[in-house]
């Protein structure tokens, strides 16, 4: 019954199609407009609450203002006075990682768990009065654009010319040829694959919820992976040249040295398991601004009692992934004991564990460790 309910939810969210069809026909291929993706959708927070969030330290936020053909970008955190002198039209407030601060936002993201958690980035919420937007642009990642209050006109162009306006504070397209145009109302949603040019314009006061997916560049992955290997690789031997011969130029790096060092570096090898363990740590690593708030110290016996009574949830900022016998929580790697492997995988998938017996001492000890680090907390209730 549970699987049927989930499948039905996906069908509503994806405009009547199942996940397999969506992934085969649309994911990373072409845009999809979904009317009534979340029927009767209500905003998770008010514009005033969004502005208040943008005033908090550590919260990533931006204010974008359009002045005729010019654009201005201001970075948060803001103070209340920042919003007192804004023009009546033509600006946008954007707040990143709202799922780190609002449980309802984290719950919204869970509706998109047909895409692996390893690909999920965050929920960004934007508010704009009449005419507000961030201009014609493209993203390098997949995004679902869910409409909250008000309406937003989306103009789409699948143009190949992605030339940007020079010296603009934003990645604004220099040329934009409209191919399609849709007006989204509350609960409607637009899916866009990477590099599809788009331009959203508020019609009246409008809020949009952007579910974004990360797509690391090959250069970034290579750089981070080499750093990962640097901490773990062990090459035997030491450079030696017992057959050294005289050189005409003492400052020249000899060919024999180059060849020997090249042979030594052939020992830098890795397997698929190394890549998997790197991805687990790298993709679960918190963003630089994320700070965990550890609770007051609690003895394991009391923790166990409350765990049985209340259950436990991952903290909103936590990211948990797994593969084989390893799980990864906020950049840390743990070996999952076989006795509680399925339970830990459930925690990673659903981000919570219900109240229950939890007689496995190894599991309780591990959850207690994570609780004391601020990585998880008791469920409400």
Protein backbone atom coordinates (compact mmCIF):
# COMPACT_ATOMS: atom_id res chain seq x y z
CA UNK A 1 0.00 0.00 0.00
CA UNK A 2 2.82 2.42 0.91
CA UNK A 3 4.53 1.89 -2.45
CA UNK A 4 1.24 2.56 -4.25
CA UNK A 5 0.78 5.83 -2.35
CA UNK A 6 4.32 6.93 -3.21
CA UNK A 7 3.84 6.02 -6.87
CA UNK A 8 0.61 8.03 -6.98
CA UNK A 9 2.35 11.04 -5.41
CA UNK A 10 5.08 10.86 -8.04
CA UNK A 11 2.46 10.67 -10.80
CA UNK A 12 0.77 13.84 -9.55
CA UNK A 13 4.12 15.59 -9.15
CA UNK A 14 5.22 14.55 -12.64
CA UNK A 15 2.03 15.41 -14.49
CA UNK A 16 0.54 11.93 -14.77
CA UNK A 17 3.66 10.01 -15.76
CA UNK A 18 5.60 7.58 -13.62
CA UNK A 19 9.23 8.09 -12.61
CA UNK A 20 10.60 5.70 -15.26
CA UNK A 21 8.90 7.62 -18.07
CA UNK A 22 10.02 11.00 -16.71
CA UNK A 23 13.65 9.89 -16.42
CA UNK A 24 13.63 8.32 -19.88
CA UNK A 25 11.93 11.15 -21.76
CA UNK A 26 12.67 14.39 -19.88
CA UNK A 27 15.45 14.20 -17.27
CA UNK A 28 18.44 16.09 -18.70
CA UNK A 29 16.75 16.10 -22.11
CA UNK A 30 13.93 18.64 -22.43
CA UNK A 31 11.71 20.97 -20.38
CA UNK A 32 8.43 19.83 -18.87
CA UNK A 33 5.52 21.99 -17.72
CA UNK A 34 3.38 20.34 -15.03
CA UNK A 35 0.06 21.97 -14.15
CA UNK A 36 -1.07 21.29 -10.60
CA UNK A 37 2.07 19.37 -9.66
CA UNK A 38 1.26 20.01 -5.99
CA UNK A 39 -2.48 20.74 -5.79
CA UNK A 40 -3.51 23.40 -3.27
CA UNK A 41 0.14 24.22 -2.61
CA UNK A 42 0.60 26.77 0.16
CA UNK A 43 3.73 28.83 0.72
CA UNK A 44 6.12 27.48 3.31
CA UNK A 45 6.83 30.98 4.60
CA UNK A 46 5.68 34.55 4.00
CA UNK A 47 7.67 37.20 2.10
CA UNK A 48 8.33 38.90 5.45
CA UNK A 49 9.68 35.66 6.92
CA UNK A 50 11.88 35.15 3.85
CA UNK A 51 13.26 38.67 4.29
CA UNK A 52 13.87 37.93 7.97
CA UNK A 53 15.82 34.81 7.03
CA UNK A 54 17.93 36.89 4.63
CA UNK A 55 18.93 39.10 7.57
CA UNK A 56 20.43 36.24 9.56
CA UNK A 57 24.17 35.60 9.67
CA UNK A 58 25.28 32.52 7.79
CA UNK A 59 22.27 32.50 5.48
CA UNK A 60 23.15 32.84 1.78
CA UNK A 61 20.95 35.49 0.22
CA UNK A 62 21.00 37.89 -2.71
CA UNK A 63 19.06 40.93 -3.79
CA UNK A 64 18.88 41.53 -7.54
CA UNK A 65 17.67 44.86 -8.93
CA UNK A 66 17.06 45.71 -12.55
CA UNK A 67 17.55 49.35 -13.52
CA UNK A 68 16.47 49.68 -17.14
CA UNK A 69 19.09 47.61 -18.99
CA UNK A 70 21.52 47.44 -16.05
CA UNK A 71 21.58 44.95 -13.19
CA UNK A 72 22.70 45.37 -9.60
CA UNK A 73 23.52 42.56 -7.18
CA UNK A 74 23.74 42.86 -3.40
CA UNK A 75 24.83 40.01 -1.14
CA UNK A 76 23.35 39.29 2.29
CA UNK A 77 23.05 39.18 5.15
CA UNK A 78 20.85 42.25 5.04
CA UNK A 79 19.34 44.46 7.70
CA UNK A 80 15.73 45.55 7.83
CA UNK A 81 16.57 48.95 6.35
CA UNK A 82 17.72 47.20 3.16
CA UNK A 83 14.08 46.49 2.29
CA UNK A 84 12.60 49.87 3.21
CA UNK A 85 13.81 51.79 0.16
CA UNK A 86 13.32 49.23 -2.58
CA UNK A 87 11.37 50.33 -5.66
CA UNK A 88 7.82 49.00 -6.04
CA UNK A 89 8.79 46.81 -9.00
CA UNK A 90 11.73 45.16 -10.71
CA UNK A 91 13.67 43.42 -7.93
CA UNK A 92 14.08 39.91 -6.53
CA UNK A 93 15.16 38.49 -3.17
CA UNK A 94 16.70 35.00 -3.30
CA UNK A 95 17.55 32.85 -0.28
CA UNK A 96 19.54 29.61 -0.63
CA UNK A 97 19.37 26.43 1.46
CA UNK A 98 15.98 27.21 2.99
CA UNK A 99 15.75 23.47 3.74
CA UNK A 100 18.49 23.99 6.34
CA UNK A 101 16.26 26.28 8.38
CA UNK A 102 12.70 25.20 7.74
CA UNK A 103 11.45 21.62 8.38
CA UNK A 104 8.63 22.12 5.87
CA UNK A 105 11.23 22.93 3.21
CA UNK A 106 13.13 19.72 3.96
CA UNK A 107 9.84 17.81 3.67
CA UNK A 108 9.20 19.41 0.29
CA UNK A 109 12.58 18.21 -0.96
CA UNK A 110 11.73 14.66 0.13
CA UNK A 111 9.00 14.65 -2.51
CA UNK A 112 11.77 14.65 -5.10
CA UNK A 113 13.52 11.56 -3.75
CA UNK A 114 13.09 9.81 -7.10
CA UNK A 115 16.36 11.60 -7.87
CA UNK A 116 19.30 10.30 -5.77
CA UNK A 117 20.10 12.34 -2.67
CA UNK A 118 23.70 12.54 -3.90
CA UNK A 119 22.49 14.83 -6.71
CA UNK A 120 20.32 17.10 -4.59
CA UNK A 121 21.66 20.56 -3.83
CA UNK A 122 19.11 22.71 -2.03
CA UNK A 123 15.81 24.54 -1.99
CA UNK A 124 16.12 28.19 -2.99
CA UNK A 125 13.14 30.48 -2.40
CA UNK A 126 12.71 33.76 -4.24
CA UNK A 127 10.25 36.62 -3.86
CA UNK A 128 9.66 39.35 -6.40
CA UNK A 129 7.10 42.11 -6.94
CA UNK A 130 5.72 42.95 -10.38
CA UNK A 131 8.38 42.59 -13.09
CA UNK A 132 11.01 41.13 -10.77
CA UNK A 133 13.42 38.47 -11.96
CA UNK A 134 17.08 37.71 -12.50
CA UNK A 135 17.08 38.17 -16.25
CA UNK A 136 17.57 35.72 -19.11
CA UNK A 137 20.12 33.11 -18.03
CA UNK A 138 20.93 29.41 -17.99
CA UNK A 139 21.95 27.01 -15.26
CA UNK A 140 24.48 24.21 -15.41
CA UNK A 141 22.23 21.92 -13.39
CA UNK A 142 18.71 20.50 -13.38
CA UNK A 143 16.02 22.47 -11.58
CA UNK A 144 12.33 22.15 -10.73
CA UNK A 145 10.63 25.56 -10.45
CA UNK A 146 7.54 25.31 -8.25
CA UNK A 147 5.23 28.32 -8.16
CA UNK A 148 4.04 29.60 -4.81
CA UNK A 149 1.88 32.68 -4.33
CA UNK A 150 1.21 34.91 -7.31
CA UNK A 151 2.13 34.13 -10.89
CA UNK A 152 5.35 34.01 -12.83
CA UNK A 153 5.79 34.16 -16.59
CA UNK A 154 8.51 31.81 -17.79
CA UNK A 155 10.08 32.37 -21.18
CA UNK A 156 12.12 29.47 -22.53
CA UNK A 157 14.72 29.35 -25.28
CA UNK A 158 16.72 26.30 -26.32
CA UNK A 159 19.23 28.50 -28.12
CA UNK A 160 22.83 27.41 -28.52
CA UNK A 161 24.24 30.94 -28.21
CA UNK A 162 25.04 31.30 -24.51
CA UNK A 163 27.12 34.47 -24.76
CA UNK A 164 26.93 36.50 -21.56
CA UNK A 165 26.66 40.26 -21.02
CA UNK A 166 30.13 41.56 -20.22
CA UNK A 167 30.81 43.08 -16.79
CA UNK A 168 27.33 42.19 -15.50
CA UNK A 169 27.19 41.08 -11.85
CA UNK A 170 25.01 38.15 -12.93
CA UNK A 171 25.25 35.59 -15.70
CA UNK A 172 22.85 37.46 -18.01
CA UNK A 173 22.50 36.23 -21.57
CA UNK A 174 23.41 38.81 -24.19
CA UNK A 175 20.86 37.45 -26.64
CA UNK A 176 17.60 35.68 -25.83
CA UNK A 177 15.16 34.31 -28.41
CA UNK A 178 11.86 33.21 -26.86
CA UNK A 179 10.68 29.81 -28.11
CA UNK A 180 8.01 29.02 -25.52
CA UNK A 181 6.15 30.99 -22.88
CA UNK A 182 4.17 29.73 -19.88
CA UNK A 183 2.36 31.50 -17.06
CA UNK A 184 2.67 29.47 -13.84
CA UNK A 185 0.13 29.70 -11.03
CA UNK A 186 0.35 28.31 -7.46
CA UNK A 187 1.14 24.58 -7.50
CA UNK A 188 2.33 24.58 -11.12
CA UNK A 189 5.89 23.45 -11.77
CA UNK A 190 8.42 23.69 -14.57
CA UNK A 191 11.32 21.27 -14.98
CA UNK A 192 14.40 22.53 -16.84
CA UNK A 193 17.45 20.45 -17.78
CA UNK A 194 20.92 22.01 -17.75
CA UNK A 195 21.79 24.81 -20.19
CA UNK A 196 18.22 25.56 -21.25
CA UNK A 197 17.98 29.35 -21.37
CA UNK A 198 15.08 30.76 -19.34
CA UNK A 199 13.71 34.00 -17.96
CA UNK A 200 11.19 34.23 -15.17
CA UNK A 201 9.20 37.45 -14.69
CA UNK A 202 6.91 38.03 -11.71
CA UNK A 203 3.30 38.90 -12.52
CA UNK A 204 2.22 40.67 -9.37
CA UNK A 205 3.89 39.60 -6.12
CA UNK A 206 5.28 36.10 -6.66
CA UNK A 207 7.24 33.44 -4.79
CA UNK A 208 9.08 30.60 -6.49
CA UNK A 209 10.60 27.47 -4.96
CA UNK A 210 13.63 26.21 -6.89
CA UNK A 211 14.64 22.61 -6.26
CA UNK A 212 18.20 22.48 -7.59
CA UNK A 213 20.50 19.53 -8.27
CA UNK A 214 24.25 19.69 -8.10
CA UNK A 215 26.40 18.85 -11.11
CA UNK A 216 30.11 19.12 -10.20
CA UNK A 217 32.46 20.01 -13.04
CA UNK A 218 35.01 17.40 -14.08
CA UNK A 219 37.83 19.74 -13.04
CA UNK A 220 36.34 20.15 -9.57
CA UNK A 221 35.92 16.39 -9.15
CA UNK A 222 39.48 15.72 -10.31
CA UNK A 223 40.94 18.35 -7.99
CA UNK A 224 39.00 17.09 -4.99
CA UNK A 225 39.71 13.44 -5.77
CA UNK A 226 43.46 14.05 -6.02
CA UNK A 227 43.30 15.77 -2.65
CA UNK A 228 41.43 12.76 -1.28
CA UNK A 229 44.11 10.41 -2.63
CA UNK A 230 46.89 12.59 -1.23
CA UNK A 231 45.72 11.80 2.29
CA UNK A 232 45.47 8.05 1.67
CA UNK A 233 48.04 6.95 -0.91
CA UNK A 234 51.30 5.32 0.17
CA UNK A 235 54.01 4.81 -2.47
CA UNK A 236 57.07 2.71 -1.57
CA UNK A 237 60.66 3.51 -2.51
CA UNK A 238 62.81 6.61 -2.75
CA UNK A 239 64.45 8.39 -5.64
CA UNK A 240 67.95 7.04 -6.35
CA UNK A 241 70.46 7.38 -9.19
CA UNK A 242 73.45 5.04 -8.58
CA UNK A 243 74.21 5.08 -12.32
CA UNK A 244 74.38 8.88 -12.47
CA UNK A 245 76.50 10.19 -15.38
CA UNK A 246 78.04 13.66 -15.87
CA UNK A 247 75.83 16.39 -17.41
CA UNK A 248 76.95 19.26 -19.60
CA UNK A 249 74.52 21.57 -17.77
CA UNK A 250 74.12 21.05 -14.02
CA UNK A 251 70.88 23.10 -14.01
CA UNK A 252 69.19 20.86 -16.56
CA UNK A 253 66.64 18.29 -15.39
CA UNK A 254 67.98 15.11 -16.92
CA UNK A 255 65.95 12.72 -19.00
CA UNK A 256 66.84 9.80 -16.74
CA UNK A 257 65.37 11.65 -13.74
CA UNK A 258 62.18 12.40 -15.61
CA UNK A 259 61.76 8.78 -16.65
CA UNK A 260 62.43 7.42 -13.16
CA UNK A 261 59.97 9.78 -11.50
CA UNK A 262 57.39 8.98 -14.19
CA UNK A 263 57.81 5.28 -13.36
CA UNK A 264 57.42 6.01 -9.64
CA UNK A 265 54.19 7.91 -10.25
CA UNK A 266 52.75 4.95 -12.10
CA UNK A 267 52.07 3.65 -8.62
CA UNK A 268 49.29 6.21 -8.23
CA UNK A 269 46.31 3.95 -8.94
CA UNK A 270 42.75 3.69 -7.76
CA UNK A 271 39.78 1.37 -8.00
CA UNK A 272 36.04 1.95 -8.24
CA UNK A 273 35.79 1.47 -4.48
CA UNK A 274 38.19 4.41 -3.97
CA UNK A 275 36.00 6.59 -6.19
CA UNK A 276 32.85 5.49 -4.33
CA UNK A 277 34.35 6.30 -0.94
CA UNK A 278 35.58 9.65 -2.23
CA UNK A 279 32.10 10.51 -3.57
CA UNK A 280 30.49 9.57 -0.28
CA UNK A 281 32.71 11.93 1.68
CA UNK A 282 32.76 14.69 -0.93
CA UNK A 283 29.03 14.76 -1.73
CA UNK A 284 27.99 14.67 1.93
CA UNK A 285 30.46 17.37 2.97
CA UNK A 286 28.58 20.38 4.42
CA UNK A 287 28.84 23.70 2.64
CA UNK A 288 31.34 26.12 4.23
CA UNK A 289 28.67 28.21 5.95
CA UNK A 290 26.98 25.24 7.65
CA UNK A 291 27.41 25.07 11.42
CA UNK A 292 26.04 22.27 13.61
CA UNK A 293 24.74 23.07 17.06
CA UNK A 294 25.58 20.20 19.44
CA UNK A 295 23.10 19.70 22.29
CA UNK A 296 23.91 19.48 25.97
CA UNK A 297 25.78 16.30 26.88
CA UNK A 298 23.45 13.35 27.48
CA UNK A 299 24.37 9.94 28.83
CA UNK A 300 23.82 7.06 26.45
CA UNK A 301 21.27 5.38 28.72
CA UNK A 302 19.00 8.44 28.71
CA UNK A 303 19.58 8.90 24.98
CA UNK A 304 18.48 5.30 24.40
CA UNK A 305 15.29 5.83 26.40
CA UNK A 306 14.33 8.96 24.47
CA UNK A 307 15.24 7.28 21.17
CA UNK A 308 12.76 4.51 21.95
CA UNK A 309 10.07 7.02 22.89
CA UNK A 310 10.54 9.68 20.20
CA UNK A 311 12.62 8.29 17.37
CA UNK A 312 15.30 10.38 15.70
CA UNK A 313 15.77 12.56 12.61
CA UNK A 314 18.73 13.92 10.74
CA UNK A 315 19.39 17.58 11.45
CA UNK A 316 18.13 19.80 8.62
CA UNK A 317 21.72 20.60 7.59
CA UNK A 318 22.84 16.94 7.58
CA UNK A 319 23.48 14.93 4.44
CA UNK A 320 23.71 11.15 4.73
CA UNK A 321 24.62 8.77 1.89
CA UNK A 322 25.66 5.14 1.74
CA UNK A 323 27.20 2.49 -0.50
CA UNK A 324 27.94 -1.13 0.34
CA UNK A 325 29.02 -1.35 3.98
CA UNK A 326 29.94 2.32 4.27
CA UNK A 327 27.77 5.29 5.15
CA UNK A 328 28.78 8.94 4.93
CA UNK A 329 27.42 11.65 7.18
CA UNK A 330 28.48 15.26 6.72
CA UNK A 331 31.78 14.32 5.09
CA UNK A 332 32.66 11.58 7.61
CA UNK A 333 32.90 7.91 6.68
CA UNK A 334 31.54 5.13 8.89
CA UNK A 335 31.50 1.36 8.48
CA UNK A 336 27.92 0.16 9.02
CA UNK A 337 27.80 -2.91 11.27
CA UNK A 338 25.86 -5.69 9.56
CA UNK A 339 23.49 -5.92 12.52
CA UNK A 340 22.11 -2.43 11.90
CA UNK A 341 22.95 -1.81 8.25
CA UNK A 342 19.34 -1.81 7.07
CA UNK A 343 18.30 0.60 9.81
CA UNK A 344 21.05 3.05 8.92
CA UNK A 345 20.14 2.83 5.25
CA UNK A 346 16.55 3.63 6.19
CA UNK A 347 17.76 6.68 8.11
CA UNK A 348 19.72 7.84 5.06
CA UNK A 349 16.75 7.31 2.72
CA UNK A 350 13.97 8.80 4.84
CA UNK A 351 16.03 11.05 7.14
CA UNK A 352 14.24 9.70 10.23
CA UNK A 353 13.68 6.64 12.40
CA UNK A 354 10.41 6.03 14.19
CA UNK A 355 10.12 5.26 17.93
CA UNK A 356 10.84 1.62 18.72
CA UNK A 357 12.83 -0.89 20.75
CA UNK A 358 16.31 -0.32 19.21
CA UNK A 359 17.94 -3.17 21.12
CA UNK A 360 21.14 -3.10 19.04
CA UNK A 361 23.77 -1.56 21.31
CA UNK A 362 26.09 -0.79 18.39
CA UNK A 363 23.35 1.19 16.62
CA UNK A 364 22.43 3.09 19.77
CA UNK A 365 26.07 3.99 20.41
CA UNK A 366 26.52 5.27 16.84
CA UNK A 367 23.32 7.32 16.91
CA UNK A 368 24.33 8.71 20.30
CA UNK A 369 27.68 9.80 18.82
CA UNK A 370 25.91 11.57 15.96
CA UNK A 371 23.43 13.18 18.32
CA UNK A 372 26.22 14.66 20.45
CA UNK A 373 27.82 16.07 17.26
CA UNK A 374 24.56 17.81 16.35
CA UNK A 375 24.10 15.65 13.23
CA UNK A 376 20.71 14.31 14.36
CA UNK A 377 18.04 15.19 16.88
CA UNK A 378 15.00 13.65 18.51
CA UNK A 379 11.89 13.71 16.39
CA UNK A 380 9.12 16.05 17.45
CA UNK A 381 6.21 14.60 19.32
